[in-house]
């Protein structure tokens, strides 16, 4: 999947954004969640700007850049985020709280981004199979939107950007099933059976 999508993850009751293509995390979101936790635990605010100016952090960023290229991107304007490489994200989380470090390690080892990208690829495959069999190409865009909504409903998801691994895997399975069934069934039947098979 080539399109950059911002995924949302929950941490201490806050939403943390992660980009699907670059896999960069929002340090801005992390600090907001971390400061919420710090205040609740009687700790002072964590200052991201001061942390990034720290000599040790600068050295770490320099080493990351040598290996990975750009590891920090500042978005401008109101509501802009500071996007950071996953390894820098861990470093920030560790500075905020050892408890955050555990959460972040678990995120890095889950496969949310992997399944998001795979289900995006399987969507293209399903759409292509349905398009080839659809008899009226002019109404196909509306038809594929309806199919996508049926799949979302069957997976019990309101927003794919907030879906978990199991929901994304289920969507991927439905896409694959529909694409395969299009070879042997009329498309409406392929969609119906593909969705039924995917939610079992």
N, C-alpha and C. Protein backbone atom coordinates (compact mmCIF):
# COMPACT_ATOMS: atom_id res chain seq x y z
N UNK A 1 0.86 -1.19 0.00
CA UNK A 1 0.00 0.00 0.00
C UNK A 1 0.89 1.23 0.00
N UNK A 2 0.75 2.12 -0.99
CA UNK A 2 1.62 3.27 -1.13
C UNK A 2 1.10 4.52 -0.45
N UNK A 3 -0.19 4.63 -0.24
CA UNK A 3 -0.77 5.83 0.33
C UNK A 3 -0.45 5.93 1.82
N UNK A 4 0.02 7.09 2.26
CA UNK A 4 0.31 7.32 3.68
C UNK A 4 -1.00 7.53 4.41
N UNK A 5 -1.24 6.73 5.42
CA UNK A 5 -2.45 6.83 6.23
C UNK A 5 -2.02 7.01 7.67
N UNK A 6 -2.70 7.88 8.39
CA UNK A 6 -2.38 8.09 9.80
C UNK A 6 -3.27 7.17 10.64
N UNK A 7 -2.64 6.23 11.30
CA UNK A 7 -3.33 5.29 12.19
C UNK A 7 -3.39 5.90 13.59
N UNK A 8 -4.37 5.48 14.36
CA UNK A 8 -4.52 5.96 15.74
C UNK A 8 -4.40 4.79 16.70
N UNK A 9 -3.65 5.01 17.78
CA UNK A 9 -3.50 4.02 18.83
C UNK A 9 -3.82 4.71 20.15
N UNK A 10 -4.30 3.95 21.12
CA UNK A 10 -4.65 4.56 22.40
C UNK A 10 -3.55 4.32 23.42
N UNK A 11 -3.23 5.37 24.17
CA UNK A 11 -2.25 5.29 25.24
C UNK A 11 -2.68 6.21 26.36
N UNK A 12 -2.92 5.64 27.54
CA UNK A 12 -3.36 6.41 28.71
C UNK A 12 -4.56 7.29 28.38
N UNK A 13 -5.48 6.76 27.60
CA UNK A 13 -6.69 7.49 27.26
C UNK A 13 -6.52 8.54 26.19
N UNK A 14 -5.37 8.61 25.57
CA UNK A 14 -5.10 9.59 24.50
C UNK A 14 -4.84 8.86 23.19
N UNK A 15 -5.08 9.55 22.07
CA UNK A 15 -4.81 8.99 20.74
C UNK A 15 -3.38 9.32 20.31
N UNK A 16 -2.63 8.32 19.91
CA UNK A 16 -1.27 8.50 19.40
C UNK A 16 -1.31 8.18 17.91
N UNK A 17 -0.83 9.10 17.09
CA UNK A 17 -0.85 8.92 15.63
C UNK A 17 0.44 8.25 15.16
N UNK A 18 0.28 7.38 14.14
CA UNK A 18 1.43 6.77 13.48
C UNK A 18 1.15 6.71 12.00
N UNK A 19 2.13 7.09 11.20
CA UNK A 19 1.99 7.06 9.75
C UNK A 19 2.26 5.65 9.23
N UNK A 20 1.38 5.18 8.36
CA UNK A 20 1.46 3.79 7.89
C UNK A 20 2.64 3.53 6.96
N UNK A 21 3.03 4.50 6.17
CA UNK A 21 4.09 4.29 5.18
C UNK A 21 5.47 4.49 5.80
N UNK A 22 5.68 5.64 6.43
CA UNK A 22 6.99 5.95 7.03
C UNK A 22 7.14 5.29 8.39
N UNK A 23 6.02 4.88 9.02
CA UNK A 23 5.97 4.30 10.35
C UNK A 23 6.37 5.29 11.45
N UNK A 24 6.49 6.57 11.10
CA UNK A 24 6.83 7.58 12.11
C UNK A 24 5.65 7.80 13.05
N UNK A 25 5.99 8.06 14.31
CA UNK A 25 5.00 8.34 15.35
C UNK A 25 4.94 9.83 15.64
N UNK A 26 3.81 10.27 16.16
CA UNK A 26 3.67 11.65 16.60
C UNK A 26 4.25 11.78 18.01
N UNK A 27 5.39 12.46 18.11
CA UNK A 27 5.98 12.74 19.42
C UNK A 27 5.09 13.73 20.17
N UNK A 28 4.38 14.58 19.43
CA UNK A 28 3.46 15.54 20.03
C UNK A 28 2.36 14.81 20.80
N UNK A 29 1.78 13.78 20.17
CA UNK A 29 0.75 12.98 20.83
C UNK A 29 1.32 12.23 22.04
N UNK A 30 2.53 11.67 21.87
CA UNK A 30 3.17 10.93 22.95
C UNK A 30 3.38 11.82 24.17
N UNK A 31 3.88 13.02 23.95
CA UNK A 31 4.14 13.94 25.06
C UNK A 31 2.83 14.34 25.74
N UNK A 32 1.78 14.55 24.97
CA UNK A 32 0.48 14.89 25.56
C UNK A 32 -0.01 13.74 26.46
N UNK A 33 0.10 12.50 25.96
CA UNK A 33 -0.30 11.34 26.76
C UNK A 33 0.60 11.18 27.97
N UNK A 34 1.90 11.35 27.75
CA UNK A 34 2.86 11.20 28.84
C UNK A 34 2.67 12.25 29.92
N UNK A 35 2.39 13.49 29.51
CA UNK A 35 2.19 14.54 30.50
C UNK A 35 0.89 14.33 31.27
N UNK A 36 -0.11 13.79 30.61
CA UNK A 36 -1.35 13.44 31.32
C UNK A 36 -1.04 12.44 32.43
N UNK A 37 -0.25 11.43 32.08
CA UNK A 37 0.14 10.41 33.05
C UNK A 37 1.01 11.01 34.15
N UNK A 38 1.97 11.85 33.76
CA UNK A 38 2.89 12.46 34.75
C UNK A 38 2.12 13.32 35.75
N UNK A 39 1.19 14.12 35.27
CA UNK A 39 0.41 14.98 36.17
C UNK A 39 -0.41 14.13 37.14
N UNK A 40 -1.02 13.06 36.60
CA UNK A 40 -1.82 12.17 37.45
C UNK A 40 -0.97 11.50 38.53
N UNK A 41 0.34 11.39 38.27
CA UNK A 41 1.24 10.75 39.22
C UNK A 41 2.12 11.75 39.97
N UNK A 42 1.72 13.03 39.93
CA UNK A 42 2.42 14.06 40.70
C UNK A 42 3.81 14.42 40.19
N UNK A 43 4.05 14.19 38.90
CA UNK A 43 5.35 14.50 38.31
C UNK A 43 5.26 15.78 37.48
N UNK A 44 6.38 16.48 37.29
CA UNK A 44 6.35 17.70 36.48
C UNK A 44 6.18 17.40 35.00
N UNK A 45 5.78 18.41 34.22
CA UNK A 45 5.62 18.27 32.77
C UNK A 45 6.93 17.86 32.12
N UNK A 46 6.81 17.05 31.08
CA UNK A 46 7.95 16.69 30.25
C UNK A 46 8.01 17.68 29.10
N UNK A 47 9.19 18.25 28.84
CA UNK A 47 9.37 19.25 27.79
C UNK A 47 10.10 18.62 26.62
N UNK A 48 9.40 18.40 25.50
CA UNK A 48 10.00 17.75 24.33
C UNK A 48 11.12 18.59 23.74
N UNK A 49 10.91 19.89 23.63
CA UNK A 49 11.94 20.76 23.03
C UNK A 49 13.23 20.69 23.83
N UNK A 50 13.13 20.72 25.15
CA UNK A 50 14.32 20.64 26.00
C UNK A 50 14.99 19.27 25.86
N UNK A 51 14.17 18.22 25.79
CA UNK A 51 14.72 16.88 25.63
C UNK A 51 15.50 16.75 24.31
N UNK A 52 14.94 17.31 23.24
CA UNK A 52 15.60 17.22 21.93
C UNK A 52 16.88 18.04 21.86
N UNK A 53 17.01 19.05 22.74
CA UNK A 53 18.23 19.86 22.77
C UNK A 53 19.31 19.27 23.67
N UNK A 54 18.95 18.24 24.42
CA UNK A 54 19.90 17.57 25.31
C UNK A 54 21.05 16.99 24.49
N UNK A 55 22.28 17.09 25.00
CA UNK A 55 23.46 16.62 24.26
C UNK A 55 23.34 15.14 23.90
N UNK A 56 22.91 14.32 24.86
CA UNK A 56 22.78 12.88 24.60
C UNK A 56 21.74 12.58 23.53
N UNK A 57 20.64 13.33 23.56
CA UNK A 57 19.60 13.14 22.55
C UNK A 57 20.11 13.55 21.18
N UNK A 58 20.82 14.67 21.11
CA UNK A 58 21.37 15.13 19.83
C UNK A 58 22.32 14.09 19.24
N UNK A 59 23.14 13.49 20.08
CA UNK A 59 24.07 12.45 19.61
C UNK A 59 23.29 11.24 19.08
N UNK A 60 22.23 10.85 19.81
CA UNK A 60 21.41 9.71 19.40
C UNK A 60 20.72 10.00 18.07
N UNK A 61 20.16 11.20 17.93
CA UNK A 61 19.50 11.61 16.69
C UNK A 61 20.49 11.58 15.53
N UNK A 62 21.71 12.06 15.78
CA UNK A 62 22.74 12.07 14.74
C UNK A 62 23.07 10.65 14.28
N UNK A 63 23.18 9.72 15.23
CA UNK A 63 23.46 8.33 14.87
C UNK A 63 22.30 7.71 14.10
N UNK A 64 21.08 8.01 14.52
CA UNK A 64 19.90 7.50 13.81
C UNK A 64 19.87 8.03 12.38
N UNK A 65 20.18 9.31 12.21
CA UNK A 65 20.15 9.92 10.87
C UNK A 65 21.19 9.30 9.95
N UNK A 66 22.34 8.93 10.49
CA UNK A 66 23.37 8.28 9.68
C UNK A 66 22.86 6.95 9.14
N UNK A 67 22.08 6.25 9.96
CA UNK A 67 21.59 4.93 9.56
C UNK A 67 20.28 4.97 8.79
N UNK A 68 19.35 5.87 9.19
CA UNK A 68 18.00 5.84 8.64
C UNK A 68 17.60 7.08 7.83
N UNK A 69 18.45 8.08 7.79
CA UNK A 69 18.06 9.31 7.10
C UNK A 69 17.26 10.20 8.04
N UNK A 70 16.23 10.82 7.53
CA UNK A 70 15.42 11.73 8.34
C UNK A 70 14.69 10.95 9.44
N UNK A 71 14.87 11.41 10.68
CA UNK A 71 14.23 10.72 11.80
C UNK A 71 13.31 11.65 12.60
N UNK A 72 13.23 12.92 12.18
CA UNK A 72 12.36 13.87 12.87
C UNK A 72 11.86 14.88 11.85
N UNK A 73 10.54 15.06 11.81
CA UNK A 73 9.92 16.02 10.89
C UNK A 73 8.96 16.87 11.70
N UNK A 74 9.13 18.18 11.62
CA UNK A 74 8.23 19.10 12.30
C UNK A 74 7.19 19.61 11.31
N UNK A 75 5.91 19.40 11.64
CA UNK A 75 4.83 19.97 10.83
C UNK A 75 4.57 21.38 11.32
N UNK A 76 4.27 22.26 10.41
CA UNK A 76 4.03 23.65 10.77
C UNK A 76 2.54 23.93 10.93
N UNK A 77 2.26 25.03 11.57
CA UNK A 77 0.88 25.49 11.70
C UNK A 77 0.20 24.94 12.94
N UNK A 78 -1.01 25.42 13.14
CA UNK A 78 -1.81 25.00 14.29
C UNK A 78 -2.12 23.51 14.18
N UNK A 79 -1.91 22.81 15.25
CA UNK A 79 -2.18 21.38 15.26
C UNK A 79 -1.09 20.55 14.60
N UNK A 80 0.05 21.18 14.27
CA UNK A 80 1.15 20.45 13.64
C UNK A 80 1.78 19.48 14.62
N UNK A 81 2.31 18.41 14.11
CA UNK A 81 2.95 17.38 14.93
C UNK A 81 4.44 17.35 14.69
N UNK A 82 5.16 16.85 15.67
CA UNK A 82 6.55 16.47 15.47
C UNK A 82 6.54 14.97 15.26
N UNK A 83 6.92 14.54 14.06
CA UNK A 83 6.91 13.11 13.71
C UNK A 83 8.32 12.57 13.90
N UNK A 84 8.43 11.40 14.56
CA UNK A 84 9.74 10.84 14.84
C UNK A 84 9.82 9.36 14.48
N UNK A 85 11.03 8.93 14.18
CA UNK A 85 11.34 7.53 13.90
C UNK A 85 10.97 6.69 15.13
N UNK A 86 10.53 5.43 14.94
CA UNK A 86 10.15 4.59 16.08
C UNK A 86 11.23 4.47 17.17
N UNK A 87 12.51 4.44 16.79
CA UNK A 87 13.55 4.33 17.81
C UNK A 87 13.68 5.61 18.63
N UNK A 88 13.50 6.76 17.99
CA UNK A 88 13.51 8.01 18.74
C UNK A 88 12.25 8.11 19.60
N UNK A 89 11.16 7.58 19.09
CA UNK A 89 9.90 7.54 19.85
C UNK A 89 10.09 6.77 21.16
N UNK A 90 10.80 5.62 21.09
CA UNK A 90 11.08 4.84 22.29
C UNK A 90 11.93 5.64 23.27
N UNK A 91 12.93 6.33 22.73
CA UNK A 91 13.81 7.13 23.58
C UNK A 91 13.01 8.21 24.33
N UNK A 92 12.09 8.85 23.63
CA UNK A 92 11.24 9.87 24.25
C UNK A 92 10.35 9.22 25.31
N UNK A 93 9.76 8.08 24.96
CA UNK A 93 8.88 7.39 25.90
C UNK A 93 9.63 7.00 27.17
N UNK A 94 10.85 6.53 27.02
CA UNK A 94 11.66 6.14 28.18
C UNK A 94 11.94 7.36 29.06
N UNK A 95 12.20 8.50 28.42
CA UNK A 95 12.46 9.72 29.20
C UNK A 95 11.21 10.17 29.95
N UNK A 96 10.05 9.95 29.36
CA UNK A 96 8.79 10.37 30.00
C UNK A 96 8.45 9.43 31.16
N UNK A 97 8.55 8.10 30.91
CA UNK A 97 8.12 7.14 31.92
C UNK A 97 8.52 5.73 31.53
N UNK A 98 9.08 4.96 32.48
CA UNK A 98 9.36 3.54 32.18
C UNK A 98 8.09 2.77 31.83
N UNK A 99 6.94 3.19 32.38
CA UNK A 99 5.68 2.53 32.07
C UNK A 99 5.31 2.72 30.59
N UNK A 100 5.60 3.90 30.05
CA UNK A 100 5.36 4.15 28.63
C UNK A 100 6.26 3.28 27.77
N UNK A 101 7.46 3.02 28.22
CA UNK A 101 8.39 2.21 27.45
C UNK A 101 7.80 0.84 27.17
N UNK A 102 7.14 0.24 28.17
CA UNK A 102 6.53 -1.08 27.98
C UNK A 102 5.48 -1.01 26.88
N UNK A 103 4.60 0.00 26.95
CA UNK A 103 3.55 0.17 25.93
C UNK A 103 4.16 0.31 24.53
N UNK A 104 5.20 1.13 24.44
CA UNK A 104 5.81 1.40 23.13
C UNK A 104 6.47 0.14 22.57
N UNK A 105 7.17 -0.61 23.40
CA UNK A 105 7.77 -1.86 22.93
C UNK A 105 6.69 -2.80 22.39
N UNK A 106 5.59 -2.88 23.10
CA UNK A 106 4.50 -3.75 22.63
C UNK A 106 3.96 -3.28 21.28
N UNK A 107 3.87 -1.97 21.10
CA UNK A 107 3.41 -1.43 19.81
C UNK A 107 4.35 -1.81 18.69
N UNK A 108 5.64 -1.70 18.95
CA UNK A 108 6.61 -1.97 17.89
C UNK A 108 6.57 -3.43 17.46
N UNK A 109 6.16 -4.30 18.37
CA UNK A 109 6.12 -5.70 18.03
C UNK A 109 4.76 -6.17 17.56
N UNK A 110 3.75 -5.31 17.64
CA UNK A 110 2.47 -5.71 17.06
C UNK A 110 2.59 -5.51 15.55
N UNK A 111 1.60 -5.92 14.84
CA UNK A 111 1.67 -5.86 13.38
C UNK A 111 0.57 -4.99 12.80
N UNK A 112 0.18 -3.95 13.54
CA UNK A 112 -0.91 -3.10 13.09
C UNK A 112 -0.61 -2.48 11.72
N UNK A 113 0.55 -1.89 11.56
CA UNK A 113 0.91 -1.26 10.29
C UNK A 113 1.00 -2.30 9.18
N UNK A 114 1.59 -3.44 9.50
CA UNK A 114 1.70 -4.52 8.50
C UNK A 114 0.31 -4.91 7.98
N UNK A 115 -0.63 -5.14 8.91
CA UNK A 115 -1.97 -5.55 8.49
C UNK A 115 -2.72 -4.43 7.79
N UNK A 116 -2.45 -3.17 8.19
CA UNK A 116 -3.09 -2.03 7.53
C UNK A 116 -2.66 -1.99 6.07
N UNK A 117 -1.37 -2.15 5.83
CA UNK A 117 -0.86 -2.11 4.46
C UNK A 117 -1.31 -3.31 3.65
N UNK A 118 -1.32 -4.50 4.28
CA UNK A 118 -1.75 -5.70 3.56
C UNK A 118 -3.23 -5.60 3.18
N UNK A 119 -4.05 -5.09 4.10
CA UNK A 119 -5.47 -5.01 3.77
C UNK A 119 -5.72 -3.94 2.71
N UNK A 120 -4.86 -2.93 2.65
CA UNK A 120 -4.96 -1.95 1.56
C UNK A 120 -4.65 -2.58 0.22
N UNK A 121 -3.63 -3.45 0.21
CA UNK A 121 -3.26 -4.14 -1.02
C UNK A 121 -4.35 -5.13 -1.44
N UNK A 122 -4.93 -5.83 -0.46
CA UNK A 122 -5.98 -6.79 -0.79
C UNK A 122 -7.24 -6.08 -1.28
N UNK A 123 -7.46 -4.85 -0.81
CA UNK A 123 -8.60 -4.05 -1.28
C UNK A 123 -8.46 -3.78 -2.78
N UNK A 124 -7.25 -3.43 -3.20
CA UNK A 124 -7.00 -3.19 -4.63
C UNK A 124 -7.28 -4.45 -5.45
N UNK A 125 -6.84 -5.59 -4.91
CA UNK A 125 -7.05 -6.87 -5.61
C UNK A 125 -8.54 -7.17 -5.73
N UNK A 126 -9.28 -6.98 -4.62
CA UNK A 126 -10.72 -7.23 -4.64
C UNK A 126 -11.41 -6.27 -5.60
N UNK A 127 -11.05 -4.99 -5.54
CA UNK A 127 -11.68 -3.99 -6.42
C UNK A 127 -11.45 -4.32 -7.88
N UNK A 128 -10.21 -4.76 -8.19
CA UNK A 128 -9.90 -5.13 -9.57
C UNK A 128 -10.74 -6.31 -10.05
N UNK A 129 -10.89 -7.32 -9.18
CA UNK A 129 -11.68 -8.50 -9.54
C UNK A 129 -13.15 -8.12 -9.74
N UNK A 130 -13.67 -7.28 -8.86
CA UNK A 130 -15.07 -6.85 -8.98
C UNK A 130 -15.27 -5.98 -10.23
N UNK A 131 -14.32 -5.12 -10.51
CA UNK A 131 -14.43 -4.22 -11.66
C UNK A 131 -14.50 -5.03 -12.97
N UNK A 132 -13.66 -6.04 -13.06
CA UNK A 132 -13.64 -6.86 -14.28
C UNK A 132 -14.97 -7.55 -14.53
N UNK A 133 -15.66 -7.94 -13.46
CA UNK A 133 -16.92 -8.67 -13.60
C UNK A 133 -18.16 -7.76 -13.63
N UNK A 134 -17.97 -6.50 -13.22
CA UNK A 134 -19.12 -5.59 -13.13
C UNK A 134 -19.58 -5.22 -14.54
N UNK A 135 -20.89 -5.30 -14.79
CA UNK A 135 -21.40 -5.07 -16.14
C UNK A 135 -21.60 -3.59 -16.48
N UNK A 136 -21.76 -2.75 -15.46
CA UNK A 136 -21.97 -1.31 -15.73
C UNK A 136 -20.87 -0.51 -15.04
N UNK A 137 -19.81 -0.22 -15.79
CA UNK A 137 -18.63 0.44 -15.22
C UNK A 137 -18.93 1.87 -14.72
N UNK A 138 -19.95 2.50 -15.26
CA UNK A 138 -20.24 3.88 -14.85
C UNK A 138 -20.75 3.95 -13.40
N UNK A 139 -21.39 2.91 -12.93
CA UNK A 139 -21.89 2.92 -11.55
C UNK A 139 -20.97 2.15 -10.60
N UNK A 140 -19.85 1.67 -11.14
CA UNK A 140 -18.94 0.88 -10.30
C UNK A 140 -18.41 1.64 -9.08
N UNK A 141 -18.04 2.92 -9.20
CA UNK A 141 -17.54 3.63 -8.00
C UNK A 141 -18.54 3.59 -6.85
N UNK A 142 -19.82 3.76 -7.15
CA UNK A 142 -20.85 3.69 -6.10
C UNK A 142 -20.94 2.27 -5.56
N UNK A 143 -20.87 1.29 -6.46
CA UNK A 143 -20.97 -0.11 -6.06
C UNK A 143 -19.83 -0.48 -5.10
N UNK A 144 -18.60 -0.10 -5.42
CA UNK A 144 -17.46 -0.48 -4.58
C UNK A 144 -17.52 0.23 -3.23
N UNK A 145 -18.08 1.43 -3.19
CA UNK A 145 -18.28 2.12 -1.91
C UNK A 145 -19.27 1.35 -1.04
N UNK A 146 -20.31 0.86 -1.66
CA UNK A 146 -21.31 0.07 -0.92
C UNK A 146 -20.70 -1.22 -0.38
N UNK A 147 -19.87 -1.86 -1.20
CA UNK A 147 -19.19 -3.09 -0.76
C UNK A 147 -18.28 -2.78 0.42
N UNK A 148 -17.53 -1.69 0.33
CA UNK A 148 -16.62 -1.30 1.42
C UNK A 148 -17.39 -1.04 2.71
N UNK A 149 -18.56 -0.41 2.60
CA UNK A 149 -19.39 -0.15 3.79
C UNK A 149 -19.93 -1.45 4.38
N UNK A 150 -20.31 -2.39 3.52
CA UNK A 150 -20.79 -3.69 4.01
C UNK A 150 -19.68 -4.42 4.76
N UNK A 151 -18.46 -4.33 4.25
CA UNK A 151 -17.32 -4.98 4.90
C UNK A 151 -17.05 -4.31 6.26
N UNK A 152 -17.10 -3.00 6.29
CA UNK A 152 -16.88 -2.27 7.54
C UNK A 152 -17.92 -2.67 8.59
N UNK A 153 -19.17 -2.75 8.16
CA UNK A 153 -20.25 -3.15 9.06
C UNK A 153 -20.05 -4.58 9.55
N UNK A 154 -19.69 -5.48 8.64
CA UNK A 154 -19.49 -6.89 9.00
C UNK A 154 -18.34 -7.04 10.00
N UNK A 155 -17.33 -6.18 9.89
CA UNK A 155 -16.18 -6.23 10.81
C UNK A 155 -16.45 -5.45 12.10
N UNK A 156 -17.63 -4.80 12.16
CA UNK A 156 -18.02 -4.02 13.34
C UNK A 156 -17.02 -2.90 13.63
N UNK A 157 -16.63 -2.18 12.57
CA UNK A 157 -15.65 -1.10 12.67
C UNK A 157 -16.31 0.21 12.24
N UNK A 158 -16.07 1.27 13.02
CA UNK A 158 -16.59 2.59 12.65
C UNK A 158 -15.58 3.37 11.84
N UNK A 159 -14.29 3.23 12.19
CA UNK A 159 -13.23 3.98 11.52
C UNK A 159 -12.02 3.06 11.36
N UNK A 160 -11.63 2.80 10.11
CA UNK A 160 -10.51 1.89 9.87
C UNK A 160 -9.21 2.41 10.45
N UNK A 161 -9.08 3.73 10.61
CA UNK A 161 -7.83 4.29 11.16
C UNK A 161 -7.64 3.91 12.63
N UNK A 162 -8.73 3.47 13.27
CA UNK A 162 -8.65 3.08 14.68
C UNK A 162 -8.85 1.58 14.87
N UNK A 163 -8.84 0.84 13.77
CA UNK A 163 -9.06 -0.62 13.84
C UNK A 163 -7.84 -1.31 14.44
N UNK A 164 -8.10 -2.44 15.12
CA UNK A 164 -7.00 -3.21 15.69
C UNK A 164 -6.56 -4.29 14.71
N UNK A 165 -5.53 -5.05 15.11
CA UNK A 165 -4.97 -6.08 14.23
C UNK A 165 -6.02 -7.09 13.77
N UNK A 166 -6.82 -7.59 14.70
CA UNK A 166 -7.79 -8.63 14.35
C UNK A 166 -8.82 -8.12 13.35
N UNK A 167 -9.24 -6.87 13.50
CA UNK A 167 -10.21 -6.29 12.56
C UNK A 167 -9.59 -6.11 11.18
N UNK A 168 -8.33 -5.69 11.14
CA UNK A 168 -7.66 -5.53 9.84
C UNK A 168 -7.41 -6.88 9.17
N UNK A 169 -7.08 -7.89 9.97
CA UNK A 169 -6.89 -9.23 9.41
C UNK A 169 -8.20 -9.76 8.85
N UNK A 170 -9.29 -9.50 9.56
CA UNK A 170 -10.60 -9.94 9.10
C UNK A 170 -10.95 -9.27 7.78
N UNK A 171 -10.68 -7.94 7.69
CA UNK A 171 -10.95 -7.23 6.44
C UNK A 171 -10.12 -7.80 5.30
N UNK A 172 -8.86 -8.10 5.58
CA UNK A 172 -7.98 -8.66 4.56
C UNK A 172 -8.51 -10.01 4.07
N UNK A 173 -8.99 -10.82 5.00
CA UNK A 173 -9.54 -12.14 4.65
C UNK A 173 -10.79 -11.97 3.77
N UNK A 174 -11.63 -11.01 4.09
CA UNK A 174 -12.83 -10.76 3.29
C UNK A 174 -12.45 -10.31 1.89
N UNK A 175 -11.52 -9.37 1.79
CA UNK A 175 -11.06 -8.89 0.48
C UNK A 175 -10.56 -10.06 -0.38
N UNK A 176 -9.70 -10.89 0.23
CA UNK A 176 -9.13 -12.02 -0.50
C UNK A 176 -10.22 -13.00 -0.94
N UNK A 177 -11.15 -13.27 -0.04
CA UNK A 177 -12.24 -14.21 -0.37
C UNK A 177 -13.08 -13.70 -1.53
N UNK A 178 -13.45 -12.44 -1.47
CA UNK A 178 -14.27 -11.86 -2.55
C UNK A 178 -13.53 -11.92 -3.88
N UNK A 179 -12.24 -11.56 -3.85
CA UNK A 179 -11.45 -11.58 -5.09
C UNK A 179 -11.42 -12.98 -5.70
N UNK A 180 -11.22 -14.00 -4.86
CA UNK A 180 -11.18 -15.38 -5.35
C UNK A 180 -12.54 -15.85 -5.85
N UNK A 181 -13.59 -15.51 -5.09
CA UNK A 181 -14.94 -15.95 -5.47
C UNK A 181 -15.44 -15.30 -6.75
N UNK A 182 -14.90 -14.15 -7.10
CA UNK A 182 -15.30 -13.48 -8.35
C UNK A 182 -14.99 -14.32 -9.57
N UNK A 183 -14.01 -15.22 -9.45
CA UNK A 183 -13.64 -16.08 -10.57
C UNK A 183 -14.73 -17.11 -10.89
N UNK A 184 -15.57 -17.44 -9.89
CA UNK A 184 -16.51 -18.54 -10.09
C UNK A 184 -17.97 -18.18 -9.84
N UNK A 185 -18.21 -16.99 -9.26
CA UNK A 185 -19.58 -16.61 -8.92
C UNK A 185 -19.93 -15.24 -9.48
N UNK A 186 -21.23 -14.95 -9.64
CA UNK A 186 -21.63 -13.58 -9.96
C UNK A 186 -21.15 -12.67 -8.82
N UNK A 187 -20.86 -11.40 -9.14
CA UNK A 187 -20.19 -10.56 -8.15
C UNK A 187 -21.00 -10.33 -6.88
N UNK A 188 -22.30 -10.17 -6.97
CA UNK A 188 -23.09 -9.95 -5.75
C UNK A 188 -23.01 -11.17 -4.82
N UNK A 189 -23.02 -12.33 -5.41
CA UNK A 189 -22.91 -13.56 -4.63
C UNK A 189 -21.49 -13.71 -4.06
N UNK A 190 -20.50 -13.33 -4.85
CA UNK A 190 -19.11 -13.37 -4.37
C UNK A 190 -18.93 -12.46 -3.16
N UNK A 191 -19.54 -11.28 -3.21
CA UNK A 191 -19.46 -10.34 -2.08
C UNK A 191 -20.16 -10.92 -0.87
N UNK A 192 -21.36 -11.41 -1.05
CA UNK A 192 -22.14 -11.94 0.08
C UNK A 192 -21.40 -13.09 0.77
N UNK A 193 -20.97 -14.07 -0.02
CA UNK A 193 -20.29 -15.24 0.55
C UNK A 193 -18.92 -14.86 1.11
N UNK A 194 -18.22 -13.97 0.41
CA UNK A 194 -16.91 -13.53 0.89
C UNK A 194 -16.99 -12.87 2.26
N UNK A 195 -18.01 -12.05 2.45
CA UNK A 195 -18.20 -11.39 3.74
C UNK A 195 -18.58 -12.42 4.81
N UNK A 196 -19.49 -13.32 4.47
CA UNK A 196 -19.90 -14.36 5.45
C UNK A 196 -18.70 -15.22 5.85
N UNK A 197 -17.91 -15.61 4.87
CA UNK A 197 -16.74 -16.45 5.13
C UNK A 197 -15.71 -15.70 5.98
N UNK A 198 -15.55 -14.42 5.72
CA UNK A 198 -14.53 -13.63 6.42
C UNK A 198 -14.85 -13.36 7.87
N UNK A 199 -16.13 -13.29 8.22
CA UNK A 199 -16.48 -12.98 9.60
C UNK A 199 -16.59 -14.23 10.48
N UNK A 200 -16.51 -15.40 9.89
CA UNK A 200 -16.59 -16.65 10.68
C UNK A 200 -15.29 -16.90 11.39
